[in-house]
């Protein structure tokens, strides 16, 4: 029997952020379990977007707190080689009056919370991205403070490294089961049995399977996501990350000149060829130069998504010492610093930040009850 105070299941950005912040609070003994290698799942293929433009207050607050971390990332993580946080901005495009009104309401909320986003017209968009095709574009929203940090893998490893330097440990074994016995939690990993006071399940899509035997059902579904990466272009024609929801397009030109593009309408039935054709068709309608760039690779991944596309955070109802941080719907990296801090303070000091109530599993109680499941 091995022992620790806190077990974290999942070595992606969320699990490693929790470990990092637990170490900052001087948590005495933390073990991180990862079945493959650190950042082996969604984190490993995350391109690195960091934005504050959300539609709900709670997410805006989390994003703003995380932004403060990313602004100080080199001071906080002390990497051997500095990370480059590129303040390239996020640009959301509107083609309909309804979408434009939606952005207007979002900007009003964001500004109230201190996020310096702004509504922009087509002329302003032309100044931000001069080579963007503006046919059909009414306007949009833009936040110059948003940006990009391309080394998600490096940030994740560094967070865990700093936690390990302060006493945390990494175990590369798959967690097979979590049990409750005699007021403590038992974690079965590989051939080992660990006894711990608390467990944080931050295992993405695997979180639901781990918690189901404990009658803690998470309404998390897998959403396939691909990104197509082109050959590089010498000219910098699209520094911001551009999102055109009504065309199903999202993409950015990285610092090395490569474009990555996504098609937001993909389904489990979509193949790589269909995805690439749709993404490039939508992309070239905005950036004609994309038509001349060959796609050199398509990267596959999944979102662990909830019905309302908001994460599930906090201690599970009726299960003292059992915590969850999952269901990020593609927003894990950009929110991870704030999530890690909130979870660490809850675990160590019992601080129940009001934000956590927004993301409690209990918000799905009625839905789950209708399906005959238990929380």
Protein backbone atom coordinates (compact mmCIF):
# COMPACT_ATOMS: atom_id res chain seq x y z
CA UNK A 1 0.00 0.00 0.00
CA UNK A 2 1.36 3.40 -1.03
CA UNK A 3 0.13 6.70 0.38
CA UNK A 4 -0.22 10.34 -0.59
CA UNK A 5 -2.44 13.23 0.44
CA UNK A 6 -3.82 14.10 -3.00
CA UNK A 7 -4.01 11.99 -6.15
CA UNK A 8 -4.51 13.75 -9.48
CA UNK A 9 -5.69 11.54 -12.34
CA UNK A 10 -4.60 13.05 -15.62
CA UNK A 11 -1.31 14.57 -16.78
CA UNK A 12 -2.72 17.17 -19.19
CA UNK A 13 -2.73 20.92 -18.68
CA UNK A 14 -5.57 20.82 -16.12
CA UNK A 15 -4.07 18.11 -13.91
CA UNK A 16 -0.62 19.71 -14.08
CA UNK A 17 -2.03 23.16 -13.29
CA UNK A 18 -3.77 21.74 -10.21
CA UNK A 19 -0.49 20.07 -9.16
CA UNK A 20 1.44 23.32 -9.70
CA UNK A 21 -0.97 25.38 -7.62
CA UNK A 22 -1.15 22.74 -4.89
CA UNK A 23 2.64 22.95 -4.68
CA UNK A 24 2.47 26.74 -4.43
CA UNK A 25 0.13 26.29 -1.45
CA UNK A 26 2.64 23.87 0.05
CA UNK A 27 0.35 20.85 -0.15
CA UNK A 28 2.38 18.16 1.54
CA UNK A 29 2.10 15.15 -0.77
CA UNK A 30 0.66 15.03 -4.29
CA UNK A 31 0.89 12.27 -6.90
CA UNK A 32 -0.07 12.75 -10.55
CA UNK A 33 -1.15 9.65 -12.49
CA UNK A 34 -0.81 9.60 -16.28
CA UNK A 35 -1.31 6.48 -18.38
CA UNK A 36 0.93 7.47 -21.32
CA UNK A 37 3.05 10.59 -20.99
CA UNK A 38 2.51 14.15 -19.86
CA UNK A 39 0.34 16.13 -22.32
CA UNK A 40 -0.41 12.99 -24.31
CA UNK A 41 -4.08 13.83 -24.97
CA UNK A 42 -5.85 17.00 -26.07
CA UNK A 43 -3.15 19.21 -24.52
CA UNK A 44 -0.50 17.73 -26.80
CA UNK A 45 -2.25 18.90 -29.96
CA UNK A 46 -3.62 22.19 -28.61
CA UNK A 47 -2.40 25.03 -30.88
CA UNK A 48 -2.23 27.54 -28.01
CA UNK A 49 -5.00 30.13 -28.31
CA UNK A 50 -5.69 32.26 -25.23
CA UNK A 51 -8.77 34.48 -25.24
CA UNK A 52 -11.04 36.34 -22.86
CA UNK A 53 -14.01 36.83 -25.20
CA UNK A 54 -16.63 34.53 -23.69
CA UNK A 55 -20.41 34.89 -23.56
CA UNK A 56 -20.91 34.17 -19.85
CA UNK A 57 -19.63 36.13 -16.89
CA UNK A 58 -18.03 33.20 -15.06
CA UNK A 59 -15.93 32.15 -18.05
CA UNK A 60 -14.89 35.76 -18.65
CA UNK A 61 -13.67 36.04 -15.07
CA UNK A 62 -11.74 32.77 -15.31
CA UNK A 63 -10.23 33.83 -18.62
CA UNK A 64 -9.18 37.19 -17.23
CA UNK A 65 -7.52 35.57 -14.22
CA UNK A 66 -5.73 33.12 -16.51
CA UNK A 67 -4.61 35.99 -18.76
CA UNK A 68 -2.81 37.56 -15.83
CA UNK A 69 -0.90 34.28 -15.40
CA UNK A 70 0.06 34.06 -19.07
CA UNK A 71 1.26 37.67 -19.00
CA UNK A 72 3.69 36.62 -16.24
CA UNK A 73 4.31 33.08 -17.49
CA UNK A 74 8.10 33.39 -17.58
CA UNK A 75 8.26 34.79 -14.05
CA UNK A 76 5.82 32.18 -12.74
CA UNK A 77 7.31 29.11 -14.43
CA UNK A 78 10.98 30.17 -14.80
CA UNK A 79 11.63 28.15 -17.98
CA UNK A 80 15.17 27.70 -19.32
CA UNK A 81 14.03 29.22 -22.61
CA UNK A 82 11.39 31.96 -22.31
CA UNK A 83 7.92 31.29 -23.65
CA UNK A 84 6.60 33.70 -26.24
CA UNK A 85 3.11 34.94 -25.50
CA UNK A 86 2.10 36.60 -28.75
CA UNK A 87 -0.46 39.37 -28.31
CA UNK A 88 -1.95 38.82 -31.78
CA UNK A 89 -5.61 39.18 -30.82
CA UNK A 90 -8.81 37.23 -31.47
CA UNK A 91 -11.16 38.46 -34.21
CA UNK A 92 -14.75 37.18 -34.38
CA UNK A 93 -16.59 37.96 -37.63
CA UNK A 94 -20.32 38.61 -38.05
CA UNK A 95 -22.20 38.22 -41.32
CA UNK A 96 -25.74 38.63 -40.00
CA UNK A 97 -27.45 41.25 -37.89
CA UNK A 98 -28.26 38.57 -35.30
CA UNK A 99 -24.59 37.59 -34.93
CA UNK A 100 -23.54 41.22 -34.77
CA UNK A 101 -26.06 41.84 -31.98
CA UNK A 102 -24.77 38.78 -30.15
CA UNK A 103 -21.25 40.20 -30.27
CA UNK A 104 -22.51 43.59 -29.10
CA UNK A 105 -23.97 42.00 -25.97
CA UNK A 106 -20.81 39.99 -25.42
CA UNK A 107 -18.59 43.05 -25.66
CA UNK A 108 -20.81 44.93 -23.23
CA UNK A 109 -20.42 42.11 -20.70
CA UNK A 110 -16.69 41.75 -21.31
CA UNK A 111 -16.03 45.49 -20.94
CA UNK A 112 -17.96 45.55 -17.67
CA UNK A 113 -15.58 42.86 -16.38
CA UNK A 114 -12.46 44.75 -17.49
CA UNK A 115 -11.83 42.88 -20.76
CA UNK A 116 -10.82 45.42 -23.45
CA UNK A 117 -12.74 43.89 -26.35
CA UNK A 118 -14.47 46.11 -28.88
CA UNK A 119 -17.02 46.01 -31.65
CA UNK A 120 -15.38 46.61 -35.01
CA UNK A 121 -16.82 47.52 -38.39
CA UNK A 122 -15.62 46.27 -41.75
CA UNK A 123 -13.24 49.21 -42.17
CA UNK A 124 -11.59 48.51 -38.83
CA UNK A 125 -11.36 44.80 -39.66
CA UNK A 126 -9.58 45.80 -42.88
CA UNK A 127 -7.03 47.69 -40.81
CA UNK A 128 -6.51 44.76 -38.42
CA UNK A 129 -6.17 42.18 -41.23
CA UNK A 130 -5.61 44.12 -44.49
CA UNK A 131 -5.68 41.03 -46.73
CA UNK A 132 -8.88 39.58 -45.29
CA UNK A 133 -11.76 39.25 -47.76
CA UNK A 134 -14.63 41.33 -46.42
CA UNK A 135 -17.45 40.29 -48.76
CA UNK A 136 -20.51 39.63 -46.62
CA UNK A 137 -18.82 40.75 -43.37
CA UNK A 138 -20.86 43.28 -41.38
CA UNK A 139 -18.42 43.64 -38.52
CA UNK A 140 -17.26 41.70 -35.52
CA UNK A 141 -15.56 41.81 -32.15
CA UNK A 142 -11.84 42.06 -31.48
CA UNK A 143 -9.66 41.95 -28.39
CA UNK A 144 -6.05 42.93 -28.97
CA UNK A 145 -5.13 41.64 -25.50
CA UNK A 146 -5.95 38.05 -26.49
CA UNK A 147 -3.21 36.01 -28.05
CA UNK A 148 -1.25 32.85 -28.52
CA UNK A 149 1.33 30.73 -26.76
CA UNK A 150 2.34 27.97 -29.14
CA UNK A 151 4.21 25.75 -26.66
CA UNK A 152 1.29 24.19 -24.75
CA UNK A 153 3.28 21.00 -24.26
CA UNK A 154 6.19 22.93 -22.76
CA UNK A 155 3.99 24.90 -20.36
CA UNK A 156 2.33 21.69 -19.17
CA UNK A 157 5.63 19.91 -18.56
CA UNK A 158 7.06 22.95 -16.80
CA UNK A 159 4.09 23.25 -14.45
CA UNK A 160 4.53 19.62 -13.45
CA UNK A 161 8.31 19.99 -13.17
CA UNK A 162 7.91 22.84 -10.69
CA UNK A 163 5.37 20.82 -8.71
CA UNK A 164 7.77 17.88 -8.62
CA UNK A 165 10.60 20.14 -7.47
CA UNK A 166 8.37 20.99 -4.50
CA UNK A 167 7.57 17.40 -3.60
CA UNK A 168 4.93 16.14 -6.03
CA UNK A 169 5.51 12.89 -7.91
CA UNK A 170 4.55 11.53 -11.31
CA UNK A 171 3.40 7.93 -11.79
CA UNK A 172 3.11 6.68 -15.36
CA UNK A 173 0.40 4.10 -14.78
CA UNK A 174 -3.22 3.89 -15.82
CA UNK A 175 -5.70 4.33 -13.01
CA UNK A 176 -8.01 1.32 -13.12
CA UNK A 177 -10.35 2.15 -10.30
CA UNK A 178 -11.14 4.62 -7.54
CA UNK A 179 -12.76 3.30 -4.33
CA UNK A 180 -13.96 4.67 -1.03
CA UNK A 181 -12.99 2.84 2.18
CA UNK A 182 -12.75 3.82 5.85
CA UNK A 183 -13.01 7.53 5.22
CA UNK A 184 -10.15 7.51 2.69
CA UNK A 185 -9.92 7.01 -1.05
CA UNK A 186 -8.14 4.12 -2.69
CA UNK A 187 -6.65 4.49 -6.16
CA UNK A 188 -5.76 1.34 -8.09
CA UNK A 189 -3.06 2.15 -10.66
CA UNK A 190 -1.25 -0.61 -12.51
CA UNK A 191 -0.42 -3.22 -9.88
CA UNK A 192 -0.21 -0.66 -7.09
CA UNK A 193 -2.76 0.44 -4.51
CA UNK A 194 -2.62 4.00 -3.23
CA UNK A 195 -4.44 5.33 -0.19
CA UNK A 196 -5.13 9.07 -0.33
CA UNK A 197 -7.23 11.71 1.40
CA UNK A 198 -8.47 13.27 -1.83
CA UNK A 199 -8.70 12.54 -5.55
CA UNK A 200 -8.90 15.02 -8.41
CA UNK A 201 -10.18 13.48 -11.64
CA UNK A 202 -8.88 15.57 -14.53
CA UNK A 203 -8.72 12.89 -17.18
CA UNK A 204 -10.71 14.46 -20.01
CA UNK A 205 -12.90 11.94 -21.80
CA UNK A 206 -11.79 9.18 -19.41
CA UNK A 207 -13.17 11.04 -16.39
CA UNK A 208 -16.71 9.71 -16.87
CA UNK A 209 -15.62 6.07 -17.05
CA UNK A 210 -13.55 6.42 -13.88
CA UNK A 211 -16.38 7.98 -11.89
CA UNK A 212 -19.31 5.91 -13.21
CA UNK A 213 -18.72 3.00 -10.77
CA UNK A 214 -19.03 5.53 -7.93
CA UNK A 215 -22.49 6.55 -9.21
CA UNK A 216 -21.08 9.93 -10.21
CA UNK A 217 -22.24 10.25 -13.80
CA UNK A 218 -20.68 13.00 -15.87
CA UNK A 219 -22.63 14.18 -18.94
CA UNK A 220 -19.49 14.42 -21.07
CA UNK A 221 -19.44 13.45 -24.73
CA UNK A 222 -16.64 13.14 -27.24
CA UNK A 223 -16.55 15.71 -30.05
CA UNK A 224 -14.06 15.00 -32.83
CA UNK A 225 -11.83 17.89 -33.78
CA UNK A 226 -9.24 18.23 -36.49
CA UNK A 227 -6.77 20.92 -37.46
CA UNK A 228 -5.15 21.18 -40.89
CA UNK A 229 -1.66 22.70 -41.08
CA UNK A 230 -0.38 24.19 -44.33
CA UNK A 231 3.04 24.83 -45.75
CA UNK A 232 4.43 28.15 -44.48
CA UNK A 233 3.90 31.48 -46.18
CA UNK A 234 6.59 34.15 -45.94
CA UNK A 235 4.16 37.06 -45.76
CA UNK A 236 2.32 37.61 -42.49
CA UNK A 237 -1.25 38.07 -43.66
CA UNK A 238 -3.36 36.88 -40.69
CA UNK A 239 -1.72 37.42 -37.28
CA UNK A 240 -4.97 37.30 -35.24
CA UNK A 241 -6.91 34.14 -34.70
CA UNK A 242 -9.96 34.62 -36.90
CA UNK A 243 -13.28 32.94 -36.14
CA UNK A 244 -16.17 33.10 -38.64
CA UNK A 245 -18.90 31.12 -36.91
CA UNK A 246 -21.39 31.48 -39.74
CA UNK A 247 -18.90 30.00 -42.20
CA UNK A 248 -17.73 27.32 -39.78
CA UNK A 249 -14.14 28.56 -39.95
CA UNK A 250 -11.43 29.20 -37.39
CA UNK A 251 -7.77 29.68 -38.12
CA UNK A 252 -4.54 31.56 -37.59
CA UNK A 253 -1.15 32.08 -39.16
CA UNK A 254 1.51 30.95 -36.72
CA UNK A 255 4.82 32.74 -36.17
CA UNK A 256 6.60 30.35 -38.56
CA UNK A 257 4.25 31.30 -41.38
CA UNK A 258 2.19 28.11 -41.24
CA UNK A 259 -1.60 28.45 -41.22
CA UNK A 260 -3.71 26.16 -39.11
CA UNK A 261 -7.37 25.97 -40.06
CA UNK A 262 -10.42 24.27 -38.61
CA UNK A 263 -13.90 23.52 -39.86
CA UNK A 264 -16.38 23.95 -37.04
CA UNK A 265 -19.06 21.82 -38.66
CA UNK A 266 -17.26 18.50 -38.64
CA UNK A 267 -19.05 15.37 -37.42
CA UNK A 268 -17.88 11.88 -36.43
CA UNK A 269 -18.66 10.81 -40.00
CA UNK A 270 -16.38 13.43 -41.58
CA UNK A 271 -13.17 12.08 -43.10
CA UNK A 272 -9.89 13.96 -43.49
CA UNK A 273 -10.57 14.84 -47.12
CA UNK A 274 -14.01 16.29 -46.38
CA UNK A 275 -12.67 18.19 -43.40
CA UNK A 276 -9.77 19.66 -45.35
CA UNK A 277 -11.95 20.68 -48.30
CA UNK A 278 -14.52 22.38 -46.06
CA UNK A 279 -11.91 24.13 -43.92
CA UNK A 280 -9.99 25.44 -46.92
CA UNK A 281 -13.12 26.45 -48.81
CA UNK A 282 -14.25 28.53 -45.85
CA UNK A 283 -10.73 29.79 -45.25
CA UNK A 284 -10.01 30.89 -48.81
CA UNK A 285 -13.26 32.87 -48.88
CA UNK A 286 -11.62 35.03 -46.21
CA UNK A 287 -7.92 34.65 -47.06
CA UNK A 288 -7.55 33.90 -50.79
CA UNK A 289 -3.84 33.19 -50.36
CA UNK A 290 -4.75 29.94 -48.59
CA UNK A 291 -5.71 28.44 -51.95
CA UNK A 292 -2.04 28.36 -52.93
CA UNK A 293 -0.80 26.57 -49.81
CA UNK A 294 -0.63 22.74 -49.68
CA UNK A 295 -1.84 21.07 -46.49
CA UNK A 296 1.03 19.10 -45.02
CA UNK A 297 -0.75 17.38 -42.11
CA UNK A 298 -4.10 16.93 -40.41
CA UNK A 299 -4.08 16.52 -36.62
CA UNK A 300 -6.84 14.57 -34.87
CA UNK A 301 -8.19 15.18 -31.39
CA UNK A 302 -11.37 15.24 -29.31
CA UNK A 303 -13.13 17.72 -27.09
CA UNK A 304 -14.54 16.43 -23.80
CA UNK A 305 -17.76 18.40 -24.08
CA UNK A 306 -20.73 18.91 -21.78
CA UNK A 307 -24.29 19.72 -22.97
CA UNK A 308 -23.80 23.43 -22.20
CA UNK A 309 -20.12 23.44 -23.25
CA UNK A 310 -19.04 24.50 -19.76
CA UNK A 311 -16.64 22.52 -17.56
CA UNK A 312 -17.59 20.47 -14.52
CA UNK A 313 -15.57 21.62 -11.51
CA UNK A 314 -15.42 21.15 -7.78
CA UNK A 315 -16.17 18.46 -5.23
CA UNK A 316 -18.76 15.93 -6.33
CA UNK A 317 -22.03 16.13 -4.36
CA UNK A 318 -22.05 13.77 -1.39
CA UNK A 319 -18.49 12.55 -2.00
CA UNK A 320 -16.15 14.28 0.41
CA UNK A 321 -12.63 14.44 -0.98
CA UNK A 322 -13.55 13.49 -4.56
CA UNK A 323 -13.06 16.34 -7.01
CA UNK A 324 -13.49 16.72 -10.75
CA UNK A 325 -12.13 19.12 -13.36
CA UNK A 326 -13.29 17.95 -16.78
CA UNK A 327 -15.57 18.74 -19.72
CA UNK A 328 -13.64 21.74 -21.03
CA UNK A 329 -15.02 21.67 -24.59
CA UNK A 330 -11.73 22.85 -26.05
CA UNK A 331 -11.07 25.67 -23.55
CA UNK A 332 -8.80 23.82 -21.12
CA UNK A 333 -5.45 25.44 -21.93
CA UNK A 334 -6.68 29.03 -21.89
CA UNK A 335 -8.52 28.56 -18.57
CA UNK A 336 -6.07 26.20 -16.87
CA UNK A 337 -4.18 28.67 -14.64
CA UNK A 338 -7.36 29.98 -12.99
CA UNK A 339 -8.87 26.49 -12.75
CA UNK A 340 -5.75 25.12 -11.10
CA UNK A 341 -5.73 27.89 -8.52
CA UNK A 342 -9.45 27.56 -7.70
CA UNK A 343 -9.21 23.81 -7.33
CA UNK A 344 -6.05 23.97 -5.20
CA UNK A 345 -7.60 26.47 -2.81
CA UNK A 346 -10.72 24.34 -2.52
CA UNK A 347 -8.69 21.21 -1.78
CA UNK A 348 -6.20 22.73 0.67
CA UNK A 349 -8.24 25.45 2.39
CA UNK A 350 -11.81 24.46 1.62
CA UNK A 351 -12.32 27.79 -0.18
CA UNK A 352 -15.50 27.48 -2.23
CA UNK A 353 -15.15 30.29 -4.72
CA UNK A 354 -18.61 31.33 -5.98
CA UNK A 355 -17.36 30.65 -9.51
CA UNK A 356 -17.23 26.95 -8.74
CA UNK A 357 -20.98 26.92 -8.14
CA UNK A 358 -21.45 27.96 -11.78
CA UNK A 359 -19.66 24.81 -12.88
CA UNK A 360 -20.93 22.28 -10.35
CA UNK A 361 -22.17 18.91 -11.58
CA UNK A 362 -25.42 19.66 -9.73
CA UNK A 363 -26.53 21.97 -12.55
CA UNK A 364 -27.25 18.83 -14.57
CA UNK A 365 -29.32 17.18 -11.82
CA UNK A 366 -32.64 17.44 -13.63
CA UNK A 367 -31.21 16.28 -16.95
CA UNK A 368 -29.49 13.31 -15.37
CA UNK A 369 -32.57 12.40 -13.36
CA UNK A 370 -34.65 12.28 -16.54
CA UNK A 371 -32.16 9.80 -17.98
CA UNK A 372 -32.43 7.62 -14.90
CA UNK A 373 -28.87 8.26 -13.79
CA UNK A 374 -27.49 9.18 -10.40
CA UNK A 375 -25.12 11.90 -9.35
